[in-house]
Amino acid sequence: MWPVILTDRQSDIVLRPLRRRDEEAWREVRRFNRDWLRPWDATLPAPGQELPGFRTMVRMQDKQAKRGQTVPFAIEVDGNFRGQITVSGLSWGSILSGQIGYWIDSRVAGRGITPVAVAMAADHCFFALELHRIEINIRPENTASLRVVEKLGLRDEGLREKYMHIDGQWCDHRTFALLAEEVPQGLLAAYRHGTGGW
């Protein structure tokens, strides 16, 4: 199941495991985008707690991926690291669902990279992992991410109050979802051809 590399030759987007050697590029992209990402970044609610550093994060994600708990990808565009997309909260058995979260370098935002990357990850969930449902939770103020789910045709399932700790406080999120049977041809094909079943 892991590691996995997904490639879309039409857009030169590759989703692949984050590697230790990505540290310099990851730090540069995060540093450049600090203010742009801060309003949407997850934080830990306990005072004094901090998210793990890069190397610890890579180790943790790799272990979780091998246990079938998450599918964490680096987003590579034209051979360069440009962001991350993670399928987390994987539930098996009678639920078969996962949640997709993502962030992208502002220098490549607006080029259609994020919808393609999300569609690639969703197709992996539906076809390779055989999940039934994926969802994306977005702060109502995050217009760029709302545009991604709108382009992809995910269904708005309503508001979750104080759903996640973001930028130092508990924040409301809107939940968007899609079922495998709604896109039998795959989400990427539906997105590109406007043939979604919704």
N, C-alpha and C. Protein backbone atom coordinates (compact mmCIF):
# COMPACT_ATOMS: atom_id res chain seq x y z
N MET A 1 0.82 -1.20 0.00
CA MET A 1 0.00 0.00 0.00
C MET A 1 0.86 1.26 0.00
N TRP A 2 2.02 1.21 0.64
CA TRP A 2 2.88 2.39 0.74
C TRP A 2 4.34 1.95 0.65
N PRO A 3 5.22 2.66 -0.04
CA PRO A 3 5.03 3.98 -0.65
C PRO A 3 4.30 3.92 -1.99
N VAL A 4 3.73 5.07 -2.36
CA VAL A 4 2.96 5.21 -3.60
C VAL A 4 3.43 6.47 -4.31
N ILE A 5 3.56 6.39 -5.63
CA ILE A 5 3.85 7.57 -6.45
C ILE A 5 2.77 7.65 -7.52
N LEU A 6 2.11 8.80 -7.60
CA LEU A 6 1.07 9.04 -8.60
C LEU A 6 1.55 10.11 -9.56
N THR A 7 1.38 9.87 -10.85
CA THR A 7 1.86 10.81 -11.87
C THR A 7 0.74 11.18 -12.83
N ASP A 8 0.65 12.47 -13.14
CA ASP A 8 -0.27 12.95 -14.17
C ASP A 8 0.59 13.62 -15.25
N ARG A 9 0.81 12.90 -16.34
CA ARG A 9 1.70 13.42 -17.38
C ARG A 9 1.14 14.66 -18.06
N GLN A 10 -0.17 14.79 -18.10
CA GLN A 10 -0.78 15.94 -18.77
C GLN A 10 -0.42 17.25 -18.08
N SER A 11 -0.23 17.20 -16.76
CA SER A 11 0.04 18.44 -16.01
C SER A 11 1.44 18.48 -15.39
N ASP A 12 2.22 17.41 -15.52
CA ASP A 12 3.53 17.30 -14.88
C ASP A 12 3.45 17.41 -13.36
N ILE A 13 2.33 16.92 -12.80
CA ILE A 13 2.16 16.87 -11.35
C ILE A 13 2.45 15.45 -10.89
N VAL A 14 3.26 15.36 -9.84
CA VAL A 14 3.58 14.07 -9.23
C VAL A 14 3.23 14.16 -7.75
N LEU A 15 2.52 13.16 -7.26
CA LEU A 15 2.29 13.01 -5.83
C LEU A 15 3.16 11.86 -5.37
N ARG A 16 4.00 12.12 -4.39
CA ARG A 16 4.97 11.12 -3.95
C ARG A 16 5.23 11.29 -2.46
N PRO A 17 5.84 10.28 -1.83
CA PRO A 17 6.17 10.42 -0.41
C PRO A 17 7.12 11.60 -0.18
N LEU A 18 6.92 12.28 0.92
CA LEU A 18 7.86 13.31 1.35
C LEU A 18 9.12 12.61 1.83
N ARG A 19 10.29 13.10 1.40
CA ARG A 19 11.56 12.46 1.74
C ARG A 19 12.40 13.37 2.62
N ARG A 20 13.31 12.78 3.34
CA ARG A 20 14.19 13.60 4.19
C ARG A 20 14.98 14.60 3.37
N ARG A 21 15.33 14.23 2.16
CA ARG A 21 16.11 15.16 1.32
C ARG A 21 15.28 16.33 0.80
N ASP A 22 13.95 16.31 1.05
CA ASP A 22 13.09 17.45 0.69
C ASP A 22 13.18 18.58 1.71
N GLU A 23 13.91 18.37 2.79
CA GLU A 23 13.85 19.33 3.89
C GLU A 23 14.18 20.76 3.47
N GLU A 24 15.24 20.95 2.73
CA GLU A 24 15.63 22.31 2.34
C GLU A 24 14.54 22.96 1.49
N ALA A 25 14.01 22.24 0.50
CA ALA A 25 12.95 22.79 -0.36
C ALA A 25 11.68 23.03 0.45
N TRP A 26 11.33 22.09 1.35
CA TRP A 26 10.13 22.24 2.19
C TRP A 26 10.25 23.49 3.05
N ARG A 27 11.42 23.67 3.68
CA ARG A 27 11.62 24.84 4.54
C ARG A 27 11.54 26.14 3.75
N GLU A 28 12.12 26.14 2.55
CA GLU A 28 12.07 27.36 1.72
C GLU A 28 10.64 27.71 1.34
N VAL A 29 9.87 26.70 0.92
CA VAL A 29 8.49 26.95 0.51
C VAL A 29 7.65 27.40 1.70
N ARG A 30 7.81 26.75 2.84
CA ARG A 30 7.06 27.14 4.04
C ARG A 30 7.45 28.55 4.49
N ARG A 31 8.73 28.87 4.44
CA ARG A 31 9.20 30.20 4.84
C ARG A 31 8.62 31.27 3.91
N PHE A 32 8.69 31.03 2.61
CA PHE A 32 8.17 32.00 1.64
C PHE A 32 6.67 32.22 1.82
N ASN A 33 5.94 31.17 2.19
CA ASN A 33 4.47 31.21 2.28
C ASN A 33 3.94 31.36 3.71
N ARG A 34 4.81 31.72 4.65
CA ARG A 34 4.43 31.76 6.07
C ARG A 34 3.13 32.55 6.28
N ASP A 35 3.07 33.77 5.82
CA ASP A 35 1.88 34.61 6.05
C ASP A 35 0.67 34.11 5.26
N TRP A 36 0.92 33.57 4.09
CA TRP A 36 -0.17 33.09 3.23
C TRP A 36 -0.83 31.85 3.81
N LEU A 37 -0.05 30.99 4.47
CA LEU A 37 -0.57 29.73 5.01
C LEU A 37 -1.04 29.83 6.46
N ARG A 38 -0.52 30.79 7.22
CA ARG A 38 -0.81 30.87 8.65
C ARG A 38 -2.31 30.81 8.99
N PRO A 39 -3.20 31.52 8.28
CA PRO A 39 -4.62 31.48 8.66
C PRO A 39 -5.27 30.11 8.50
N TRP A 40 -4.61 29.19 7.79
CA TRP A 40 -5.22 27.89 7.50
C TRP A 40 -4.45 26.72 8.13
N ASP A 41 -3.32 27.00 8.76
CA ASP A 41 -2.48 25.94 9.31
C ASP A 41 -3.02 25.41 10.64
N ALA A 42 -3.01 24.07 10.77
CA ALA A 42 -3.41 23.44 12.02
C ALA A 42 -2.41 23.78 13.12
N THR A 43 -2.93 23.94 14.34
CA THR A 43 -2.10 24.17 15.52
C THR A 43 -2.56 23.20 16.61
N LEU A 44 -1.76 23.08 17.65
CA LEU A 44 -2.12 22.20 18.76
C LEU A 44 -2.74 23.04 19.88
N PRO A 45 -3.85 22.58 20.47
CA PRO A 45 -4.56 23.41 21.45
C PRO A 45 -3.89 23.55 22.80
N ALA A 46 -3.06 22.60 23.20
CA ALA A 46 -2.42 22.69 24.52
C ALA A 46 -1.33 23.75 24.51
N PRO A 47 -1.32 24.64 25.50
CA PRO A 47 -0.29 25.69 25.55
C PRO A 47 1.12 25.10 25.56
N GLY A 48 1.98 25.70 24.76
CA GLY A 48 3.36 25.26 24.71
C GLY A 48 3.65 24.11 23.77
N GLN A 49 2.61 23.43 23.27
CA GLN A 49 2.84 22.33 22.33
C GLN A 49 3.12 22.89 20.95
N GLU A 50 4.00 22.22 20.24
CA GLU A 50 4.31 22.61 18.87
C GLU A 50 4.22 21.39 17.97
N LEU A 51 3.89 21.64 16.70
CA LEU A 51 3.88 20.56 15.73
C LEU A 51 5.30 20.05 15.54
N PRO A 52 5.49 18.80 15.16
CA PRO A 52 6.84 18.25 15.03
C PRO A 52 7.63 18.93 13.91
N GLY A 53 8.94 18.86 14.04
CA GLY A 53 9.81 19.38 12.99
C GLY A 53 9.75 18.50 11.75
N PHE A 54 10.43 18.93 10.71
CA PHE A 54 10.34 18.26 9.42
C PHE A 54 10.70 16.77 9.49
N ARG A 55 11.85 16.45 10.05
CA ARG A 55 12.31 15.05 10.06
C ARG A 55 11.38 14.16 10.87
N THR A 56 10.93 14.65 12.01
CA THR A 56 9.99 13.90 12.83
C THR A 56 8.68 13.70 12.09
N MET A 57 8.22 14.76 11.41
CA MET A 57 6.99 14.68 10.63
C MET A 57 7.09 13.61 9.55
N VAL A 58 8.20 13.58 8.82
CA VAL A 58 8.39 12.60 7.76
C VAL A 58 8.38 11.18 8.33
N ARG A 59 9.08 10.98 9.44
CA ARG A 59 9.10 9.65 10.09
C ARG A 59 7.71 9.23 10.54
N MET A 60 7.00 10.14 11.20
CA MET A 60 5.65 9.84 11.70
C MET A 60 4.71 9.51 10.55
N GLN A 61 4.74 10.33 9.50
CA GLN A 61 3.85 10.10 8.37
C GLN A 61 4.15 8.78 7.68
N ASP A 62 5.43 8.45 7.55
CA ASP A 62 5.80 7.19 6.91
C ASP A 62 5.29 6.00 7.73
N LYS A 63 5.45 6.05 9.05
CA LYS A 63 4.95 4.97 9.91
C LYS A 63 3.44 4.85 9.82
N GLN A 64 2.75 5.99 9.88
CA GLN A 64 1.29 5.97 9.79
C GLN A 64 0.83 5.44 8.43
N ALA A 65 1.54 5.80 7.37
CA ALA A 65 1.18 5.34 6.04
C ALA A 65 1.34 3.82 5.94
N LYS A 66 2.41 3.29 6.49
CA LYS A 66 2.64 1.85 6.45
C LYS A 66 1.60 1.08 7.27
N ARG A 67 1.02 1.74 8.27
CA ARG A 67 -0.03 1.12 9.09
C ARG A 67 -1.43 1.32 8.49
N GLY A 68 -1.52 2.03 7.35
CA GLY A 68 -2.81 2.25 6.72
C GLY A 68 -3.66 3.30 7.40
N GLN A 69 -3.03 4.24 8.10
CA GLN A 69 -3.75 5.30 8.80
C GLN A 69 -3.83 6.59 8.01
N THR A 70 -2.89 6.78 7.11
CA THR A 70 -2.82 8.03 6.35
C THR A 70 -2.10 7.77 5.03
N VAL A 71 -2.30 8.66 4.07
CA VAL A 71 -1.57 8.61 2.80
C VAL A 71 -1.02 10.02 2.56
N PRO A 72 0.24 10.27 2.95
CA PRO A 72 0.81 11.62 2.88
C PRO A 72 1.68 11.83 1.64
N PHE A 73 1.31 12.80 0.84
CA PHE A 73 2.05 13.06 -0.40
C PHE A 73 2.71 14.43 -0.38
N ALA A 74 3.88 14.50 -1.00
CA ALA A 74 4.44 15.78 -1.44
C ALA A 74 3.84 16.07 -2.81
N ILE A 75 3.57 17.33 -3.09
CA ILE A 75 3.12 17.74 -4.43
C ILE A 75 4.35 18.27 -5.16
N GLU A 76 4.67 17.62 -6.26
CA GLU A 76 5.82 18.02 -7.08
C GLU A 76 5.28 18.54 -8.41
N VAL A 77 5.73 19.71 -8.81
CA VAL A 77 5.31 20.31 -10.08
C VAL A 77 6.56 20.63 -10.89
N ASP A 78 6.63 20.11 -12.10
CA ASP A 78 7.79 20.31 -12.96
C ASP A 78 9.09 19.95 -12.22
N GLY A 79 9.04 18.90 -11.41
CA GLY A 79 10.23 18.42 -10.72
C GLY A 79 10.56 19.14 -9.43
N ASN A 80 9.73 20.12 -9.01
CA ASN A 80 10.01 20.90 -7.81
C ASN A 80 8.95 20.68 -6.74
N PHE A 81 9.39 20.60 -5.48
CA PHE A 81 8.46 20.50 -4.36
C PHE A 81 7.62 21.77 -4.28
N ARG A 82 6.27 21.61 -4.20
CA ARG A 82 5.40 22.79 -4.18
C ARG A 82 4.29 22.73 -3.14
N GLY A 83 4.20 21.66 -2.36
CA GLY A 83 3.16 21.60 -1.34
C GLY A 83 2.95 20.18 -0.87
N GLN A 84 1.86 20.01 -0.13
CA GLN A 84 1.54 18.68 0.41
C GLN A 84 0.05 18.42 0.28
N ILE A 85 -0.28 17.15 0.16
CA ILE A 85 -1.67 16.70 0.20
C ILE A 85 -1.68 15.41 1.00
N THR A 86 -2.58 15.33 1.96
CA THR A 86 -2.61 14.18 2.85
C THR A 86 -4.02 13.64 2.97
N VAL A 87 -4.15 12.34 2.81
CA VAL A 87 -5.40 11.66 3.12
C VAL A 87 -5.22 11.12 4.53
N SER A 88 -6.01 11.64 5.47
CA SER A 88 -5.87 11.23 6.87
C SER A 88 -7.19 10.67 7.38
N GLY A 89 -7.16 10.25 8.62
CA GLY A 89 -8.38 9.72 9.24
C GLY A 89 -8.96 8.53 8.48
N LEU A 90 -8.09 7.70 7.91
CA LEU A 90 -8.60 6.56 7.14
C LEU A 90 -9.38 5.62 8.05
N SER A 91 -10.60 5.32 7.64
CA SER A 91 -11.46 4.39 8.37
C SER A 91 -11.77 3.22 7.47
N TRP A 92 -11.59 2.03 8.00
CA TRP A 92 -11.78 0.83 7.21
C TRP A 92 -13.07 0.13 7.64
N GLY A 93 -13.23 -1.12 7.31
CA GLY A 93 -14.41 -1.88 7.73
C GLY A 93 -15.68 -1.37 7.07
N SER A 94 -16.66 -1.02 7.88
CA SER A 94 -17.97 -0.64 7.35
C SER A 94 -18.06 0.83 6.96
N ILE A 95 -16.98 1.61 7.15
CA ILE A 95 -17.03 3.04 6.82
C ILE A 95 -16.30 3.34 5.51
N LEU A 96 -15.06 2.89 5.36
CA LEU A 96 -14.25 3.10 4.14
C LEU A 96 -14.22 4.56 3.71
N SER A 97 -13.65 5.40 4.56
CA SER A 97 -13.60 6.83 4.24
C SER A 97 -12.26 7.43 4.64
N GLY A 98 -12.02 8.63 4.15
CA GLY A 98 -10.82 9.39 4.50
C GLY A 98 -11.05 10.86 4.27
N GLN A 99 -10.19 11.67 4.85
CA GLN A 99 -10.27 13.13 4.73
C GLN A 99 -9.04 13.64 3.99
N ILE A 100 -9.25 14.54 3.06
CA ILE A 100 -8.14 15.10 2.30
C ILE A 100 -7.87 16.53 2.76
N GLY A 101 -6.60 16.80 3.06
CA GLY A 101 -6.15 18.14 3.38
C GLY A 101 -4.97 18.49 2.49
N TYR A 102 -4.76 19.77 2.24
CA TYR A 102 -3.70 20.16 1.30
C TYR A 102 -3.26 21.60 1.54
N TRP A 103 -2.07 21.89 1.06
CA TRP A 103 -1.59 23.28 0.96
C TRP A 103 -0.66 23.35 -0.25
N ILE A 104 -0.58 24.55 -0.83
CA ILE A 104 0.20 24.73 -2.06
C ILE A 104 1.00 26.04 -1.98
N ASP A 105 2.14 26.05 -2.60
CA ASP A 105 3.00 27.24 -2.70
C ASP A 105 2.23 28.34 -3.45
N SER A 106 2.17 29.53 -2.87
CA SER A 106 1.43 30.64 -3.49
C SER A 106 1.99 31.01 -4.86
N ARG A 107 3.27 30.68 -5.11
CA ARG A 107 3.88 31.02 -6.39
C ARG A 107 3.33 30.20 -7.55
N VAL A 108 2.63 29.09 -7.24
CA VAL A 108 2.02 28.29 -8.31
C VAL A 108 0.51 28.19 -8.13
N ALA A 109 -0.02 28.92 -7.14
CA ALA A 109 -1.47 28.90 -6.92
C ALA A 109 -2.18 29.53 -8.12
N GLY A 110 -3.41 29.10 -8.37
CA GLY A 110 -4.20 29.65 -9.46
C GLY A 110 -3.91 29.03 -10.81
N ARG A 111 -3.08 28.00 -10.85
CA ARG A 111 -2.74 27.33 -12.12
C ARG A 111 -3.47 26.00 -12.28
N GLY A 112 -4.41 25.71 -11.39
CA GLY A 112 -5.16 24.46 -11.49
C GLY A 112 -4.43 23.25 -10.93
N ILE A 113 -3.34 23.48 -10.21
CA ILE A 113 -2.56 22.37 -9.66
C ILE A 113 -3.31 21.68 -8.53
N THR A 114 -3.88 22.45 -7.63
CA THR A 114 -4.54 21.86 -6.47
C THR A 114 -5.74 20.99 -6.85
N PRO A 115 -6.65 21.44 -7.72
CA PRO A 115 -7.75 20.54 -8.10
C PRO A 115 -7.26 19.23 -8.72
N VAL A 116 -6.23 19.30 -9.55
CA VAL A 116 -5.69 18.08 -10.16
C VAL A 116 -5.09 17.17 -9.09
N ALA A 117 -4.31 17.76 -8.17
CA ALA A 117 -3.69 16.95 -7.10
C ALA A 117 -4.76 16.31 -6.21
N VAL A 118 -5.80 17.06 -5.86
CA VAL A 118 -6.88 16.50 -5.04
C VAL A 118 -7.58 15.38 -5.79
N ALA A 119 -7.84 15.59 -7.08
CA ALA A 119 -8.50 14.56 -7.88
C ALA A 119 -7.63 13.31 -7.98
N MET A 120 -6.33 13.47 -8.15
CA MET A 120 -5.42 12.32 -8.20
C MET A 120 -5.47 11.54 -6.89
N ALA A 121 -5.42 12.27 -5.76
CA ALA A 121 -5.46 11.60 -4.45
C ALA A 121 -6.80 10.90 -4.25
N ALA A 122 -7.89 11.56 -4.65
CA ALA A 122 -9.22 10.95 -4.50
C ALA A 122 -9.33 9.69 -5.34
N ASP A 123 -8.84 9.73 -6.57
CA ASP A 123 -8.88 8.54 -7.43
C ASP A 123 -8.08 7.39 -6.83
N HIS A 124 -6.94 7.71 -6.22
CA HIS A 124 -6.16 6.67 -5.53
C HIS A 124 -6.99 6.07 -4.40
N CYS A 125 -7.69 6.92 -3.67
CA CYS A 125 -8.54 6.43 -2.57
C CYS A 125 -9.65 5.54 -3.09
N PHE A 126 -10.31 5.96 -4.16
CA PHE A 126 -11.45 5.20 -4.67
C PHE A 126 -11.03 3.91 -5.37
N PHE A 127 -9.99 3.97 -6.19
CA PHE A 127 -9.64 2.81 -7.02
C PHE A 127 -8.61 1.88 -6.38
N ALA A 128 -7.57 2.43 -5.77
CA ALA A 128 -6.52 1.58 -5.18
C ALA A 128 -6.87 1.15 -3.76
N LEU A 129 -7.36 2.09 -2.95
CA LEU A 129 -7.69 1.78 -1.56
C LEU A 129 -9.12 1.29 -1.39
N GLU A 130 -9.92 1.49 -2.42
CA GLU A 130 -11.33 1.08 -2.44
C GLU A 130 -12.15 1.74 -1.33
N LEU A 131 -11.85 3.02 -1.08
CA LEU A 131 -12.67 3.78 -0.15
C LEU A 131 -14.00 4.11 -0.80
N HIS A 132 -15.01 4.34 0.02
CA HIS A 132 -16.35 4.68 -0.46
C HIS A 132 -16.58 6.19 -0.46
N ARG A 133 -15.91 6.90 0.46
CA ARG A 133 -16.19 8.33 0.65
C ARG A 133 -14.90 9.07 0.97
N ILE A 134 -14.79 10.26 0.40
CA ILE A 134 -13.73 11.18 0.82
C ILE A 134 -14.40 12.49 1.22
N GLU A 135 -13.77 13.18 2.16
CA GLU A 135 -14.29 14.49 2.53
C GLU A 135 -13.16 15.48 2.69
N ILE A 136 -13.50 16.73 2.54
CA ILE A 136 -12.56 17.83 2.71
C ILE A 136 -13.23 18.85 3.63
N ASN A 137 -12.53 19.26 4.67
CA ASN A 137 -13.06 20.23 5.62
C ASN A 137 -12.31 21.55 5.45
N ILE A 138 -13.07 22.64 5.27
CA ILE A 138 -12.49 23.93 4.89
C ILE A 138 -13.07 25.03 5.74
N ARG A 139 -12.22 25.93 6.20
CA ARG A 139 -12.73 27.12 6.90
C ARG A 139 -13.58 27.94 5.94
N PRO A 140 -14.72 28.45 6.40
CA PRO A 140 -15.61 29.20 5.51
C PRO A 140 -14.95 30.42 4.87
N GLU A 141 -13.90 30.95 5.50
CA GLU A 141 -13.22 32.15 4.98
C GLU A 141 -12.17 31.81 3.91
N ASN A 142 -11.88 30.54 3.72
CA ASN A 142 -10.80 30.14 2.81
C ASN A 142 -11.34 30.02 1.38
N THR A 143 -11.45 31.15 0.72
CA THR A 143 -12.08 31.18 -0.60
C THR A 143 -11.31 30.37 -1.64
N ALA A 144 -9.98 30.33 -1.53
CA ALA A 144 -9.20 29.56 -2.51
C ALA A 144 -9.52 28.06 -2.40
N SER A 145 -9.58 27.53 -1.19
CA SER A 145 -9.91 26.11 -1.01
C SER A 145 -11.36 25.83 -1.36
N LEU A 146 -12.25 26.77 -1.06
CA LEU A 146 -13.65 26.58 -1.44
C LEU A 146 -13.78 26.48 -2.96
N ARG A 147 -12.96 27.23 -3.67
CA ARG A 147 -12.99 27.18 -5.13
C ARG A 147 -12.54 25.80 -5.63
N VAL A 148 -11.59 25.17 -4.94
CA VAL A 148 -11.12 23.84 -5.34
C VAL A 148 -12.27 22.84 -5.28
N VAL A 149 -12.99 22.78 -4.15
CA VAL A 149 -14.07 21.80 -4.04
C VAL A 149 -15.23 22.13 -4.98
N GLU A 150 -15.42 23.42 -5.24
CA GLU A 150 -16.46 23.81 -6.21
C GLU A 150 -16.09 23.30 -7.61
N LYS A 151 -14.85 23.49 -8.01
CA LYS A 151 -14.40 23.01 -9.32
C LYS A 151 -14.55 21.50 -9.45
N LEU A 152 -14.30 20.80 -8.35
CA LEU A 152 -14.34 19.34 -8.37
C LEU A 152 -15.74 18.77 -8.14
N GLY A 153 -16.67 19.61 -7.76
CA GLY A 153 -18.05 19.17 -7.62
C GLY A 153 -18.35 18.41 -6.34
N LEU A 154 -17.58 18.65 -5.27
CA LEU A 154 -17.90 17.99 -4.00
C LEU A 154 -19.16 18.60 -3.40
N ARG A 155 -19.90 17.78 -2.72
CA ARG A 155 -21.17 18.18 -2.12
C ARG A 155 -20.94 18.87 -0.78
N ASP A 156 -21.57 20.01 -0.56
CA ASP A 156 -21.48 20.74 0.71
C ASP A 156 -22.40 20.08 1.71
N GLU A 157 -21.84 19.54 2.79
CA GLU A 157 -22.65 18.84 3.79
C GLU A 157 -22.89 19.67 5.05
N GLY A 158 -22.48 20.92 5.03
CA GLY A 158 -22.80 21.79 6.15
C GLY A 158 -21.62 22.16 7.03
N LEU A 159 -21.95 22.88 8.09
CA LEU A 159 -20.95 23.46 8.98
C LEU A 159 -20.68 22.55 10.18
N ARG A 160 -19.40 22.43 10.52
CA ARG A 160 -18.97 21.77 11.75
C ARG A 160 -18.40 22.87 12.65
N GLU A 161 -19.07 23.12 13.74
CA GLU A 161 -18.65 24.20 14.63
C GLU A 161 -17.39 23.83 15.41
N LYS A 162 -16.45 24.77 15.44
CA LYS A 162 -15.19 24.61 16.18
C LYS A 162 -14.58 23.23 15.92
N TYR A 163 -14.49 22.89 14.66
CA TYR A 163 -14.08 21.55 14.23
C TYR A 163 -12.59 21.28 14.44
N MET A 164 -11.74 22.28 14.17
CA MET A 164 -10.30 22.03 14.20
C MET A 164 -9.58 23.25 14.77
N HIS A 165 -8.45 22.98 15.43
CA HIS A 165 -7.64 24.06 15.98
C HIS A 165 -6.73 24.59 14.88
N ILE A 166 -6.97 25.84 14.49
CA ILE A 166 -6.27 26.46 13.37
C ILE A 166 -5.73 27.82 13.82
N ASP A 167 -4.47 28.09 13.52
CA ASP A 167 -3.88 29.40 13.80
C ASP A 167 -4.18 29.85 15.23
N GLY A 168 -4.11 28.90 16.18
CA GLY A 168 -4.23 29.25 17.59
C GLY A 168 -5.63 29.29 18.17
N GLN A 169 -6.65 28.86 17.42
CA GLN A 169 -8.01 28.88 17.97
C GLN A 169 -8.86 27.80 17.32
N TRP A 170 -9.95 27.41 18.02
CA TRP A 170 -10.89 26.44 17.46
C TRP A 170 -11.72 27.14 16.40
N CYS A 171 -11.76 26.55 15.19
CA CYS A 171 -12.41 27.21 14.05
C CYS A 171 -13.48 26.33 13.43
N ASP A 172 -14.55 26.99 12.97
CA ASP A 172 -15.59 26.30 12.22
C ASP A 172 -15.05 25.88 10.86
N HIS A 173 -15.59 24.78 10.34
CA HIS A 173 -15.25 24.29 9.01
C HIS A 173 -16.51 23.86 8.29
N ARG A 174 -16.51 24.00 6.98
CA ARG A 174 -17.56 23.40 6.16
C ARG A 174 -17.04 22.08 5.64
N THR A 175 -17.92 21.08 5.62
CA THR A 175 -17.54 19.75 5.17
C THR A 175 -18.08 19.51 3.76
N PHE A 176 -17.20 19.05 2.88
CA PHE A 176 -17.55 18.71 1.50
C PHE A 176 -17.20 17.25 1.30
N ALA A 177 -18.04 16.52 0.57
CA ALA A 177 -17.82 15.08 0.43
C ALA A 177 -18.14 14.60 -0.98
N LEU A 178 -17.61 13.43 -1.29
CA LEU A 178 -17.85 12.78 -2.57
C LEU A 178 -17.80 11.28 -2.34
N LEU A 179 -18.71 10.56 -2.99
CA LEU A 179 -18.75 9.10 -2.91
C LEU A 179 -18.17 8.49 -4.18
N ALA A 180 -17.60 7.32 -4.07
CA ALA A 180 -16.99 6.65 -5.21
C ALA A 180 -17.98 6.48 -6.35
N GLU A 181 -19.23 6.12 -6.03
CA GLU A 181 -20.21 5.87 -7.10
C GLU A 181 -20.64 7.13 -7.83
N GLU A 182 -20.31 8.30 -7.27
CA GLU A 182 -20.65 9.56 -7.95
C GLU A 182 -19.69 9.87 -9.09
N VAL A 183 -18.52 9.25 -9.07
CA VAL A 183 -17.53 9.47 -10.14
C VAL A 183 -16.95 8.13 -10.58
N PRO A 184 -17.76 7.26 -11.20
CA PRO A 184 -17.26 5.93 -11.58
C PRO A 184 -16.09 5.99 -12.56
N GLN A 185 -16.00 7.07 -13.33
CA GLN A 185 -14.90 7.23 -14.28
C GLN A 185 -13.66 7.81 -13.61
N GLY A 186 -13.77 8.21 -12.33
CA GLY A 186 -12.67 8.86 -11.61
C GLY A 186 -12.89 10.35 -11.53
N LEU A 187 -12.45 10.94 -10.44
CA LEU A 187 -12.65 12.38 -10.25
C LEU A 187 -11.83 13.20 -11.22
N LEU A 188 -10.61 12.77 -11.53
CA LEU A 188 -9.78 13.54 -12.45
C LEU A 188 -10.41 13.59 -13.83
N ALA A 189 -10.90 12.45 -14.31
CA ALA A 189 -11.57 12.42 -15.62
C ALA A 189 -12.84 13.26 -15.59
N ALA A 190 -13.61 13.17 -14.51
CA ALA A 190 -14.84 13.96 -14.39
C ALA A 190 -14.53 15.44 -14.39
N TYR A 191 -13.48 15.84 -13.68
CA TYR A 191 -13.08 17.25 -13.61
C TYR A 191 -12.66 17.75 -14.99
N ARG A 192 -11.87 16.96 -15.68
CA ARG A 192 -11.35 17.41 -16.99
C ARG A 192 -12.41 17.41 -18.08
N HIS A 193 -13.39 16.52 -17.96
CA HIS A 193 -14.38 16.38 -19.03
C HIS A 193 -15.76 16.89 -18.65
N GLY A 194 -15.90 17.37 -17.42
CA GLY A 194 -17.19 17.89 -17.00
C GLY A 194 -18.28 16.83 -17.01
N THR A 195 -17.92 15.59 -16.66
CA THR A 195 -18.88 14.48 -16.76
C THR A 195 -19.18 13.86 -15.41
N GLY A 196 -19.06 14.64 -14.33
CA GLY A 196 -19.34 14.11 -13.01
C GLY A 196 -20.79 13.70 -12.87
N GLY A 197 -21.04 12.79 -11.94
CA GLY A 197 -22.40 12.29 -11.73
C GLY A 197 -23.18 13.09 -10.72
N TRP A 198 -22.73 14.26 -10.31
CA TRP A 198 -23.43 15.02 -9.28
C TRP A 198 -24.33 16.09 -9.86
